[in-house]
PDB file of N, CA and C in Angstrom:
ATOM      1  N   MET A   1       0.425   4.503 -22.505  1.00  0.00           N
ATOM      2  CA  MET A   1      -0.026   5.616 -21.691  1.00  0.00           C
ATOM      3  C   MET A   1       0.927   5.775 -20.511  1.00  0.00           C
ATOM      4  N   ILE A   2       1.483   6.961 -20.370  1.00  0.00           N
ATOM      5  CA  ILE A   2       2.366   7.264 -19.245  1.00  0.00           C
ATOM      6  C   ILE A   2       1.544   7.971 -18.174  1.00  0.00           C
ATOM      7  N   ILE A   3       1.684   7.515 -16.934  1.00  0.00           N
ATOM      8  CA  ILE A   3       1.028   8.152 -15.794  1.00  0.00           C
ATOM      9  C   ILE A   3       2.132   8.652 -14.875  1.00  0.00           C
ATOM     10  N   ASP A   4       2.255   9.961 -14.735  1.00  0.00           N
ATOM     11  CA  ASP A   4       3.274  10.553 -13.875  1.00  0.00           C
ATOM     12  C   ASP A   4       2.665  10.782 -12.495  1.00  0.00           C
ATOM     13  N   LEU A   5       2.724   9.752 -11.668  1.00  0.00           N
ATOM     14  CA  LEU A   5       2.080   9.812 -10.359  1.00  0.00           C
ATOM     15  C   LEU A   5       2.602  10.947  -9.492  1.00  0.00           C
ATOM     16  N   LYS A   6       3.894  11.236  -9.587  1.00  0.00           N
ATOM     17  CA  LYS A   6       4.481  12.278  -8.741  1.00  0.00           C
ATOM     18  C   LYS A   6       3.881  13.650  -9.027  1.00  0.00           C
ATOM     19  N   ASN A   7       3.347  13.829 -10.242  1.00  0.00           N
ATOM     20  CA  ASN A   7       2.741  15.115 -10.586  1.00  0.00           C
ATOM     21  C   ASN A   7       1.238  15.159 -10.349  1.00  0.00           C
ATOM     22  N   LEU A   8       0.659  14.065  -9.859  1.00  0.00           N
ATOM     23  CA  LEU A   8      -0.736  14.077  -9.457  1.00  0.00           C
ATOM     24  C   LEU A   8      -0.812  14.577  -8.017  1.00  0.00           C
ATOM     25  N   PRO A   9      -1.913  15.217  -7.636  1.00  0.00           N
ATOM     26  CA  PRO A   9      -2.017  15.700  -6.254  1.00  0.00           C
ATOM     27  C   PRO A   9      -1.920  14.544  -5.260  1.00  0.00           C
ATOM     28  N   SER A  10      -1.331  14.809  -4.113  1.00  0.00           N
ATOM     29  CA  SER A  10      -1.275  13.789  -3.069  1.00  0.00           C
ATOM     30  C   SER A  10      -2.410  14.043  -2.078  1.00  0.00           C
ATOM     31  N   LEU A  11      -2.913  12.956  -1.544  1.00  0.00           N
ATOM     32  CA  LEU A  11      -3.950  13.036  -0.516  1.00  0.00           C
ATOM     33  C   LEU A  11      -3.449  12.331   0.726  1.00  0.00           C
ATOM     34  N   GLU A  12      -3.765  12.898   1.878  1.00  0.00           N
ATOM     35  CA  GLU A  12      -3.439  12.268   3.155  1.00  0.00           C
ATOM     36  C   GLU A  12      -4.655  11.496   3.632  1.00  0.00           C
ATOM     37  N   HIS A  13      -4.479  10.202   3.808  1.00  0.00           N
ATOM     38  CA  HIS A  13      -5.543   9.337   4.300  1.00  0.00           C
ATOM     39  C   HIS A  13      -5.202   8.977   5.750  1.00  0.00           C
ATOM     40  N   HIS A  14      -5.904   9.593   6.689  1.00  0.00           N
ATOM     41  CA  HIS A  14      -5.649   9.328   8.100  1.00  0.00           C
ATOM     42  C   HIS A  14      -6.378   8.062   8.531  1.00  0.00           C
ATOM     43  N   ASN A  15      -5.661   7.198   9.261  1.00  0.00           N
ATOM     44  CA  ASN A  15      -6.216   5.928   9.749  1.00  0.00           C
ATOM     45  C   ASN A  15      -6.827   5.126   8.591  1.00  0.00           C
ATOM     46  N   PHE A  16      -6.078   5.036   7.482  1.00  0.00           N
ATOM     47  CA  PHE A  16      -6.553   4.396   6.256  1.00  0.00           C
ATOM     48  C   PHE A  16      -6.933   2.945   6.514  1.00  0.00           C
ATOM     49  N   LYS A  17      -8.139   2.581   6.147  1.00  0.00           N
ATOM     50  CA  LYS A  17      -8.683   1.229   6.358  1.00  0.00           C
ATOM     51  C   LYS A  17      -8.586   0.841   7.835  1.00  0.00           C
ATOM     52  N   GLU A  18      -8.762   1.827   8.716  1.00  0.00           N
ATOM     53  CA  GLU A  18      -8.699   1.670  10.173  1.00  0.00           C
ATOM     54  C   GLU A  18      -7.287   1.369  10.677  1.00  0.00           C
ATOM     55  N   GLY A  19      -6.295   1.816   9.912  1.00  0.00           N
ATOM     56  CA  GLY A  19      -4.913   1.683  10.341  1.00  0.00           C
ATOM     57  C   GLY A  19      -4.526   2.834  11.266  1.00  0.00           C
ATOM     58  N   LYS A  20      -3.236   3.032  11.450  1.00  0.00           N
ATOM     59  CA  LYS A  20      -2.712   4.078  12.332  1.00  0.00           C
ATOM     60  C   LYS A  20      -2.010   5.140  11.502  1.00  0.00           C
ATOM     61  N   GLY A  21      -2.010   6.358  12.009  1.00  0.00           N
ATOM     62  CA  GLY A  21      -1.242   7.423  11.379  1.00  0.00           C
ATOM     63  C   GLY A  21      -1.812   7.839  10.040  1.00  0.00           C
ATOM     64  N   VAL A  22      -0.904   8.050   9.075  1.00  0.00           N
ATOM     65  CA  VAL A  22      -1.317   8.609   7.789  1.00  0.00           C
ATOM     66  C   VAL A  22      -0.689   7.819   6.637  1.00  0.00           C
ATOM     67  N   PHE A  23      -1.458   7.649   5.579  1.00  0.00           N
ATOM     68  CA  PHE A  23      -0.989   7.090   4.315  1.00  0.00           C
ATOM     69  C   PHE A  23      -1.117   8.216   3.300  1.00  0.00           C
ATOM     70  N   ILE A  24      -0.003   8.634   2.719  1.00  0.00           N
ATOM     71  CA  ILE A  24       0.020   9.741   1.758  1.00  0.00           C
ATOM     72  C   ILE A  24       0.170   9.130   0.375  1.00  0.00           C
ATOM     73  N   ALA A  25      -0.783   9.444  -0.532  1.00  0.00           N
ATOM     74  CA  ALA A  25      -0.766   8.768  -1.828  1.00  0.00           C
ATOM     75  C   ALA A  25      -1.071   9.710  -2.979  1.00  0.00           C
ATOM     76  N   HIS A  26      -0.321   9.520  -4.055  1.00  0.00           N
ATOM     77  CA  HIS A  26      -0.625  10.097  -5.365  1.00  0.00           C
ATOM     78  C   HIS A  26      -1.353   8.977  -6.099  1.00  0.00           C
ATOM     79  N   THR A  27      -2.584   9.236  -6.544  1.00  0.00           N
ATOM     80  CA  THR A  27      -3.423   8.153  -7.049  1.00  0.00           C
ATOM     81  C   THR A  27      -3.999   8.460  -8.420  1.00  0.00           C
ATOM     82  N   TYR A  28      -3.941   7.444  -9.288  1.00  0.00           N
ATOM     83  CA  TYR A  28      -4.626   7.462 -10.572  1.00  0.00           C
ATOM     84  C   TYR A  28      -5.695   6.382 -10.500  1.00  0.00           C
ATOM     85  N   PHE A  29      -6.930   6.697 -10.923  1.00  0.00           N
ATOM     86  CA  PHE A  29      -8.011   5.723 -10.911  1.00  0.00           C
ATOM     87  C   PHE A  29      -8.876   5.924 -12.140  1.00  0.00           C
ATOM     88  N   ASP A  30      -9.071   4.852 -12.918  1.00  0.00           N
ATOM     89  CA  ASP A  30      -9.875   4.956 -14.144  1.00  0.00           C
ATOM     90  C   ASP A  30     -11.247   4.290 -14.007  1.00  0.00           C
ATOM     91  N   GLY A  31     -11.628   3.946 -12.782  1.00  0.00           N
ATOM     92  CA  GLY A  31     -12.898   3.285 -12.553  1.00  0.00           C
ATOM     93  C   GLY A  31     -12.765   1.789 -12.346  1.00  0.00           C
ATOM     94  N   LYS A  32     -11.657   1.212 -12.799  1.00  0.00           N
ATOM     95  CA  LYS A  32     -11.403  -0.222 -12.613  1.00  0.00           C
ATOM     96  C   LYS A  32     -10.052  -0.489 -11.953  1.00  0.00           C
ATOM     97  N   THR A  33      -9.057   0.267 -12.348  1.00  0.00           N
ATOM     98  CA  THR A  33      -7.705   0.062 -11.839  1.00  0.00           C
ATOM     99  C   THR A  33      -7.246   1.307 -11.093  1.00  0.00           C
ATOM    100  N   LYS A  34      -6.686   1.071  -9.899  1.00  0.00           N
ATOM    101  CA  LYS A  34      -6.133   2.161  -9.095  1.00  0.00           C
ATOM    102  C   LYS A  34      -4.626   1.952  -9.015  1.00  0.00           C
ATOM    103  N   ILE A  35      -3.863   2.989  -9.334  1.00  0.00           N
ATOM    104  CA  ILE A  35      -2.406   2.944  -9.274  1.00  0.00           C
ATOM    105  C   ILE A  35      -1.964   4.040  -8.321  1.00  0.00           C
ATOM    106  N   MET A  36      -1.164   3.676  -7.326  1.00  0.00           N
ATOM    107  CA  MET A  36      -0.766   4.631  -6.288  1.00  0.00           C
ATOM    108  C   MET A  36       0.742   4.637  -6.082  1.00  0.00           C
ATOM    109  N   LEU A  37       1.262   5.814  -5.819  1.00  0.00           N
ATOM    110  CA  LEU A  37       2.593   5.983  -5.258  1.00  0.00           C
ATOM    111  C   LEU A  37       2.337   6.446  -3.838  1.00  0.00           C
ATOM    112  N   GLY A  38       2.625   5.587  -2.871  1.00  0.00           N
ATOM    113  CA  GLY A  38       2.246   5.879  -1.498  1.00  0.00           C
ATOM    114  C   GLY A  38       3.409   5.893  -0.540  1.00  0.00           C
ATOM    115  N   LYS A  39       3.173   6.596   0.577  1.00  0.00           N
ATOM    116  CA  LYS A  39       4.189   6.695   1.625  1.00  0.00           C
ATOM    117  C   LYS A  39       3.523   6.500   2.979  1.00  0.00           C
ATOM    118  N   LEU A  40       4.115   5.619   3.789  1.00  0.00           N
ATOM    119  CA  LEU A  40       3.715   5.433   5.172  1.00  0.00           C
ATOM    120  C   LEU A  40       4.865   5.888   6.059  1.00  0.00           C
ATOM    121  N   PRO A  41       4.682   6.969   6.822  1.00  0.00           N
ATOM    122  CA  PRO A  41       5.737   7.379   7.752  1.00  0.00           C
ATOM    123  C   PRO A  41       5.908   6.332   8.862  1.00  0.00           C
ATOM    124  N   PRO A  42       7.036   6.353   9.560  1.00  0.00           N
ATOM    125  CA  PRO A  42       7.245   5.397  10.658  1.00  0.00           C
ATOM    126  C   PRO A  42       6.072   5.420  11.645  1.00  0.00           C
ATOM    127  N   GLY A  43       5.648   4.233  12.050  1.00  0.00           N
ATOM    128  CA  GLY A  43       4.545   4.094  12.988  1.00  0.00           C
ATOM    129  C   GLY A  43       3.168   4.081  12.343  1.00  0.00           C
ATOM    130  N   SER A  44       3.076   4.370  11.047  1.00  0.00           N
ATOM    131  CA  SER A  44       1.790   4.385  10.343  1.00  0.00           C
ATOM    132  C   SER A  44       1.503   3.013   9.742  1.00  0.00           C
ATOM    133  N   SER A  45       0.217   2.769   9.481  1.00  0.00           N
ATOM    134  CA  SER A  45      -0.173   1.488   8.896  1.00  0.00           C
ATOM    135  C   SER A  45      -1.446   1.646   8.076  1.00  0.00           C
ATOM    136  N   ILE A  46      -1.660   0.680   7.194  1.00  0.00           N
ATOM    137  CA  ILE A  46      -2.918   0.495   6.483  1.00  0.00           C
ATOM    138  C   ILE A  46      -3.586  -0.676   7.183  1.00  0.00           C
ATOM    139  N   GLY A  47      -4.810  -0.491   7.633  1.00  0.00           N
ATOM    140  CA  GLY A  47      -5.491  -1.508   8.424  1.00  0.00           C
ATOM    141  C   GLY A  47      -5.753  -2.802   7.675  1.00  0.00           C
ATOM    142  N   TYR A  48      -6.000  -3.840   8.441  1.00  0.00           N
ATOM    143  CA  TYR A  48      -6.278  -5.167   7.904  1.00  0.00           C
ATOM    144  C   TYR A  48      -7.599  -5.133   7.147  1.00  0.00           C
ATOM    145  N   HIS A  49      -7.587  -5.562   5.890  1.00  0.00           N
ATOM    146  CA  HIS A  49      -8.776  -5.513   5.047  1.00  0.00           C
ATOM    147  C   HIS A  49      -8.753  -6.656   4.038  1.00  0.00           C
ATOM    148  N   THR A  50      -9.934  -6.973   3.512  1.00  0.00           N
ATOM    149  CA  THR A  50     -10.096  -8.062   2.554  1.00  0.00           C
ATOM    150  C   THR A  50     -10.359  -7.498   1.169  1.00  0.00           C
ATOM    151  N   HIS A  51      -9.720  -8.084   0.175  1.00  0.00           N
ATOM    152  CA  HIS A  51      -9.938  -7.707  -1.220  1.00  0.00           C
ATOM    153  C   HIS A  51     -11.042  -8.606  -1.785  1.00  0.00           C
ATOM    154  N   THR A  52     -12.288  -8.202  -1.563  1.00  0.00           N
ATOM    155  CA  THR A  52     -13.429  -9.019  -1.972  1.00  0.00           C
ATOM    156  C   THR A  52     -13.684  -8.961  -3.471  1.00  0.00           C
ATOM    157  N   ASP A  53     -13.411  -7.810  -4.101  1.00  0.00           N
ATOM    158  CA  ASP A  53     -13.723  -7.624  -5.520  1.00  0.00           C
ATOM    159  C   ASP A  53     -12.511  -7.357  -6.399  1.00  0.00           C
ATOM    160  N   ASP A  54     -11.321  -7.334  -5.817  1.00  0.00           N
ATOM    161  CA  ASP A  54     -10.128  -6.962  -6.576  1.00  0.00           C
ATOM    162  C   ASP A  54      -8.912  -7.648  -5.985  1.00  0.00           C
ATOM    163  N   SER A  55      -7.765  -7.442  -6.614  1.00  0.00           N
ATOM    164  CA  SER A  55      -6.489  -7.919  -6.095  1.00  0.00           C
ATOM    165  C   SER A  55      -5.528  -6.738  -6.044  1.00  0.00           C
ATOM    166  N   GLU A  56      -4.425  -6.903  -5.294  1.00  0.00           N
ATOM    167  CA  GLU A  56      -3.477  -5.805  -5.131  1.00  0.00           C
ATOM    168  C   GLU A  56      -2.043  -6.306  -5.231  1.00  0.00           C
ATOM    169  N   VAL A  57      -1.232  -5.500  -5.902  1.00  0.00           N
ATOM    170  CA  VAL A  57       0.208  -5.719  -5.992  1.00  0.00           C
ATOM    171  C   VAL A  57       0.879  -4.522  -5.338  1.00  0.00           C
ATOM    172  N   ILE A  58       1.796  -4.769  -4.396  1.00  0.00           N
ATOM    173  CA  ILE A  58       2.537  -3.701  -3.715  1.00  0.00           C
ATOM    174  C   ILE A  58       4.021  -3.919  -3.980  1.00  0.00           C
ATOM    175  N   ILE A  59       4.676  -2.896  -4.513  1.00  0.00           N
ATOM    176  CA  ILE A  59       6.103  -2.952  -4.824  1.00  0.00           C
ATOM    177  C   ILE A  59       6.822  -1.986  -3.898  1.00  0.00           C
ATOM    178  N   CYS A  60       7.741  -2.485  -3.104  1.00  0.00           N
ATOM    179  CA  CYS A  60       8.472  -1.651  -2.146  1.00  0.00           C
ATOM    180  C   CYS A  60       9.603  -0.910  -2.859  1.00  0.00           C
ATOM    181  N   ILE A  61       9.607   0.408  -2.693  1.00  0.00           N
ATOM    182  CA  ILE A  61      10.642   1.255  -3.284  1.00  0.00           C
ATOM    183  C   ILE A  61      11.733   1.565  -2.256  1.00  0.00           C
ATOM    184  N   SER A  62      11.307   1.947  -1.038  1.00  0.00           N
ATOM    185  CA  SER A  62      12.269   2.253   0.018  1.00  0.00           C
ATOM    186  C   SER A  62      11.623   2.040   1.377  1.00  0.00           C
ATOM    187  N   GLY A  63      12.473   1.865   2.375  1.00  0.00           N
ATOM    188  CA  GLY A  63      11.991   1.592   3.722  1.00  0.00           C
ATOM    189  C   GLY A  63      11.744   0.104   3.902  1.00  0.00           C
ATOM    190  N   VAL A  64      11.292  -0.236   5.093  1.00  0.00           N
ATOM    191  CA  VAL A  64      11.003  -1.628   5.432  1.00  0.00           C
ATOM    192  C   VAL A  64       9.634  -1.666   6.090  1.00  0.00           C
ATOM    193  N   GLY A  65       8.817  -2.638   5.677  1.00  0.00           N
ATOM    194  CA  GLY A  65       7.485  -2.758   6.241  1.00  0.00           C
ATOM    195  C   GLY A  65       7.171  -4.180   6.656  1.00  0.00           C
ATOM    196  N   ASN A  66       6.067  -4.308   7.343  1.00  0.00           N
ATOM    197  CA  ASN A  66       5.567  -5.597   7.786  1.00  0.00           C
ATOM    198  C   ASN A  66       4.202  -5.816   7.159  1.00  0.00           C
ATOM    199  N   VAL A  67       4.060  -6.903   6.415  1.00  0.00           N
ATOM    200  CA  VAL A  67       2.778  -7.276   5.839  1.00  0.00           C
ATOM    201  C   VAL A  67       2.160  -8.323   6.763  1.00  0.00           C
ATOM    202  N   VAL A  68       0.941  -8.051   7.228  1.00  0.00           N
ATOM    203  CA  VAL A  68       0.240  -8.979   8.102  1.00  0.00           C
ATOM    204  C   VAL A  68      -0.761  -9.768   7.265  1.00  0.00           C
ATOM    205  N   LEU A  69      -0.664 -11.087   7.339  1.00  0.00           N
ATOM    206  CA  LEU A  69      -1.545 -12.004   6.620  1.00  0.00           C
ATOM    207  C   LEU A  69      -2.169 -12.958   7.625  1.00  0.00           C
ATOM    208  N   LYS A  70      -3.218 -13.663   7.232  1.00  0.00           N
ATOM    209  CA  LYS A  70      -3.818 -14.629   8.154  1.00  0.00           C
ATOM    210  C   LYS A  70      -2.833 -15.747   8.500  1.00  0.00           C
ATOM    211  N   GLU A  71      -1.881 -16.024   7.594  1.00  0.00           N
ATOM    212  CA  GLU A  71      -0.885 -17.077   7.820  1.00  0.00           C
ATOM    213  C   GLU A  71       0.285 -16.604   8.675  1.00  0.00           C
ATOM    214  N   GLY A  72       0.419 -15.293   8.885  1.00  0.00           N
ATOM    215  CA  GLY A  72       1.557 -14.756   9.625  1.00  0.00           C
ATOM    216  C   GLY A  72       2.025 -13.455   9.011  1.00  0.00           C
ATOM    217  N   ASN A  73       3.252 -13.093   9.275  1.00  0.00           N
ATOM    218  CA  ASN A  73       3.812 -11.825   8.807  1.00  0.00           C
ATOM    219  C   ASN A  73       4.907 -12.056   7.773  1.00  0.00           C
ATOM    220  N   GLU A  74       5.061 -11.052   6.903  1.00  0.00           N
ATOM    221  CA  GLU A  74       6.147 -11.042   5.919  1.00  0.00           C
ATOM    222  C   GLU A  74       6.840  -9.690   6.005  1.00  0.00           C
ATOM    223  N   THR A  75       8.153  -9.677   5.850  1.00  0.00           N
ATOM    224  CA  THR A  75       8.893  -8.430   5.810  1.00  0.00           C
ATOM    225  C   THR A  75       8.984  -7.955   4.364  1.00  0.00           C
ATOM    226  N   LEU A  76       8.601  -6.693   4.140  1.00  0.00           N
ATOM    227  CA  LEU A  76       8.639  -6.092   2.802  1.00  0.00           C
ATOM    228  C   LEU A  76       9.839  -5.152   2.736  1.00  0.00           C
ATOM    229  N   ARG A  77      10.752  -5.424   1.817  1.00  0.00           N
ATOM    230  CA  ARG A  77      11.993  -4.640   1.659  1.00  0.00           C
ATOM    231  C   ARG A  77      12.067  -4.082   0.239  1.00  0.00           C
ATOM    232  N   PRO A  78      12.927  -3.088   0.012  1.00  0.00           N
ATOM    233  CA  PRO A  78      13.064  -2.530  -1.337  1.00  0.00           C
ATOM    234  C   PRO A  78      13.327  -3.621  -2.377  1.00  0.00           C
ATOM    235  N   GLY A  79      12.545  -3.553  -3.457  1.00  0.00           N
ATOM    236  CA  GLY A  79      12.655  -4.537  -4.530  1.00  0.00           C
ATOM    237  C   GLY A  79      11.697  -5.705  -4.377  1.00  0.00           C
ATOM    238  N   ASN A  80      11.125  -5.896  -3.173  1.00  0.00           N
ATOM    239  CA  ASN A  80      10.149  -6.971  -2.958  1.00  0.00           C
ATOM    240  C   ASN A  80       8.792  -6.573  -3.511  1.00  0.00           C
ATOM    241  N   VAL A  81       8.041  -7.582  -3.914  1.00  0.00           N
ATOM    242  CA  VAL A  81       6.666  -7.399  -4.388  1.00  0.00           C
ATOM    243  C   VAL A  81       5.755  -8.267  -3.521  1.00  0.00           C
ATOM    244  N   HIS A  82       4.720  -7.651  -2.968  1.00  0.00           N
ATOM    245  CA  HIS A  82       3.703  -8.387  -2.216  1.00  0.00           C
ATOM    246  C   HIS A  82       2.451  -8.456  -3.079  1.00  0.00           C
ATOM    247  N   TYR A  83       1.860  -9.647  -3.173  1.00  0.00           N
ATOM    248  CA  TYR A  83       0.647  -9.835  -3.958  1.00  0.00           C
ATOM    249  C   TYR A  83      -0.467 -10.320  -3.036  1.00  0.00           C
ATOM    250  N   CYS A  84      -1.601  -9.630  -3.076  1.00  0.00           N
ATOM    251  CA  CYS A  84      -2.783 -10.038  -2.318  1.00  0.00           C
ATOM    252  C   CYS A  84      -3.883 -10.358  -3.329  1.00  0.00           C
ATOM    253  N   PRO A  85      -4.140 -11.654  -3.571  1.00  0.00           N
ATOM    254  CA  PRO A  85      -5.155 -12.018  -4.563  1.00  0.00           C
ATOM    255  C   PRO A  85      -6.575 -11.744  -4.066  1.00  0.00           C
ATOM    256  N   LYS A  86      -7.488 -11.697  -5.003  1.00  0.00           N
ATOM    257  CA  LYS A  86      -8.910 -11.513  -4.700  1.00  0.00           C
ATOM    258  C   LYS A  86      -9.342 -12.561  -3.661  1.00  0.00           C
ATOM    259  N   GLY A  87     -10.077 -12.084  -2.643  1.00  0.00           N
ATOM    260  CA  GLY A  87     -10.567 -12.960  -1.596  1.00  0.00           C
ATOM    261  C   GLY A  87      -9.666 -13.059  -0.381  1.00  0.00           C
ATOM    262  N   GLU A  88      -8.442 -12.559  -0.490  1.00  0.00           N
ATOM    263  CA  GLU A  88      -7.495 -12.615   0.630  1.00  0.00           C
ATOM    264  C   GLU A  88      -7.465 -11.286   1.386  1.00  0.00           C
ATOM    265  N   SER A  89      -6.854 -11.321   2.575  1.00  0.00           N
ATOM    266  CA  SER A  89      -6.776 -10.146   3.450  1.00  0.00           C
ATOM    267  C   SER A  89      -5.328  -9.839   3.798  1.00  0.00           C
ATOM    268  N   HIS A  90      -5.070  -8.577   4.101  1.00  0.00           N
ATOM    269  CA  HIS A  90      -3.725  -8.158   4.511  1.00  0.00           C
ATOM    270  C   HIS A  90      -3.766  -6.773   5.139  1.00  0.00           C
ATOM    271  N   SER A  91      -2.656  -6.401   5.742  1.00  0.00           N
ATOM    272  CA  SER A  91      -2.418  -5.019   6.163  1.00  0.00           C
ATOM    273  C   SER A  91      -0.936  -4.746   5.960  1.00  0.00           C
ATOM    274  N   LEU A  92      -0.592  -3.463   6.012  1.00  0.00           N
ATOM    275  CA  LEU A  92       0.797  -3.051   5.822  1.00  0.00           C
ATOM    276  C   LEU A  92       1.162  -2.070   6.917  1.00  0.00           C
ATOM    277  N   GLU A  93       2.272  -2.335   7.601  1.00  0.00           N
ATOM    278  CA  GLU A  93       2.729  -1.494   8.701  1.00  0.00           C
ATOM    279  C   GLU A  93       4.144  -1.009   8.426  1.00  0.00           C
ATOM    280  N   ASN A  94       4.406   0.249   8.775  1.00  0.00           N
ATOM    281  CA  ASN A  94       5.785   0.723   8.753  1.00  0.00           C
ATOM    282  C   ASN A  94       6.290   0.665  10.186  1.00  0.00           C
ATOM    283  N   ASN A  95       7.041  -0.365  10.489  1.00  0.00           N
ATOM    284  CA  ASN A  95       7.626  -0.500  11.817  1.00  0.00           C
ATOM    285  C   ASN A  95       9.111  -0.157  11.798  1.00  0.00           C
ATOM    286  N   GLY A  96       9.531   0.515  10.721  1.00  0.00           N
ATOM    287  CA  GLY A  96      10.927   0.925  10.581  1.00  0.00           C
ATOM    288  C   GLY A  96      11.146   2.347  11.059  1.00  0.00           C
ATOM    289  N   THR A  97      12.306   2.892  10.709  1.00  0.00           N
ATOM    290  CA  THR A  97      12.688   4.231  11.159  1.00  0.00           C
ATOM    291  C   THR A  97      12.663   5.267  10.042  1.00  0.00           C
ATOM    292  N   GLU A  98      12.391   4.839   8.810  1.00  0.00           N
ATOM    293  CA  GLU A  98      12.287   5.783   7.698  1.00  0.00           C
ATOM    294  C   GLU A  98      10.961   5.553   6.976  1.00  0.00           C
ATOM    295  N   ASP A  99      10.579   6.497   6.113  1.00  0.00           N
ATOM    296  CA  ASP A  99       9.338   6.357   5.357  1.00  0.00           C
ATOM    297  C   ASP A  99       9.359   5.071   4.544  1.00  0.00           C
ATOM    298  N   LEU A 100       8.217   4.402   4.489  1.00  0.00           N
ATOM    299  CA  LEU A 100       8.021   3.240   3.629  1.00  0.00           C
ATOM    300  C   LEU A 100       7.331   3.748   2.371  1.00  0.00           C
ATOM    301  N   THR A 101       8.011   3.638   1.227  1.00  0.00           N
ATOM    302  CA  THR A 101       7.469   4.123  -0.043  1.00  0.00           C
ATOM    303  C   THR A 101       7.186   2.931  -0.938  1.00  0.00           C
ATOM    304  N   VAL A 102       5.966   2.907  -1.496  1.00  0.00           N
ATOM    305  CA  VAL A 102       5.532   1.773  -2.310  1.00  0.00           C
ATOM    306  C   VAL A 102       4.763   2.258  -3.535  1.00  0.00           C
ATOM    307  N   TYR A 103       4.776   1.431  -4.571  1.00  0.00           N
ATOM    308  CA  TYR A 103       3.809   1.517  -5.640  1.00  0.00           C
ATOM    309  C   TYR A 103       2.780   0.450  -5.354  1.00  0.00           C
ATOM    310  N   ALA A 104       1.513   0.767  -5.526  1.00  0.00           N
ATOM    311  CA  ALA A 104       0.448  -0.211  -5.327  1.00  0.00           C
ATOM    312  C   ALA A 104      -0.496  -0.154  -6.523  1.00  0.00           C
ATOM    313  N   ILE A 105      -0.900  -1.333  -6.982  1.00  0.00           N
ATOM    314  CA  ILE A 105      -1.826  -1.437  -8.098  1.00  0.00           C
ATOM    315  C   ILE A 105      -2.979  -2.333  -7.652  1.00  0.00           C
ATOM    316  N   VAL A 106      -4.173  -1.775  -7.671  1.00  0.00           N
ATOM    317  CA  VAL A 106      -5.381  -2.507  -7.304  1.00  0.00           C
ATOM    318  C   VAL A 106      -6.232  -2.629  -8.554  1.00  0.00           C
ATOM    319  N   THR A 107      -6.558  -3.856  -8.935  1.00  0.00           N
ATOM    320  CA  THR A 107      -7.284  -4.063 -10.175  1.00  0.00           C
ATOM    321  C   THR A 107      -8.405  -5.086  -9.998  1.00  0.00           C
ATOM    322  N   ARG A 108      -9.495  -4.843 -10.699  1.00  0.00           N
ATOM    323  CA  ARG A 108     -10.648  -5.763 -10.670  1.00  0.00           C
ATOM    324  C   ARG A 108     -10.507  -6.815 -11.753  1.00  0.00           C
TER     325      ARG A 108
END
């Protein structure tokens, strides 16, 4: 099954998960798995949240971001993959000067 995320409508999520700014995402959701092509403009973030029922994989396409974890911070660069397993918490910030573009997969 091919999912052409770029041709799905994009939605602007303001202060997503109590973050800052806007998260713009093309999203496919089948009731169990959510697949997103997302963009965080400079200064925007996805707020700190816990994956109580699912896990998430974030693949950086372009830009540079900061992943906040309880253990500290990680820098997310193009080609890097961040994994947040079920039960863990994280947030994602664009503290760079260009859009941070990612693929994200959230699955139960």
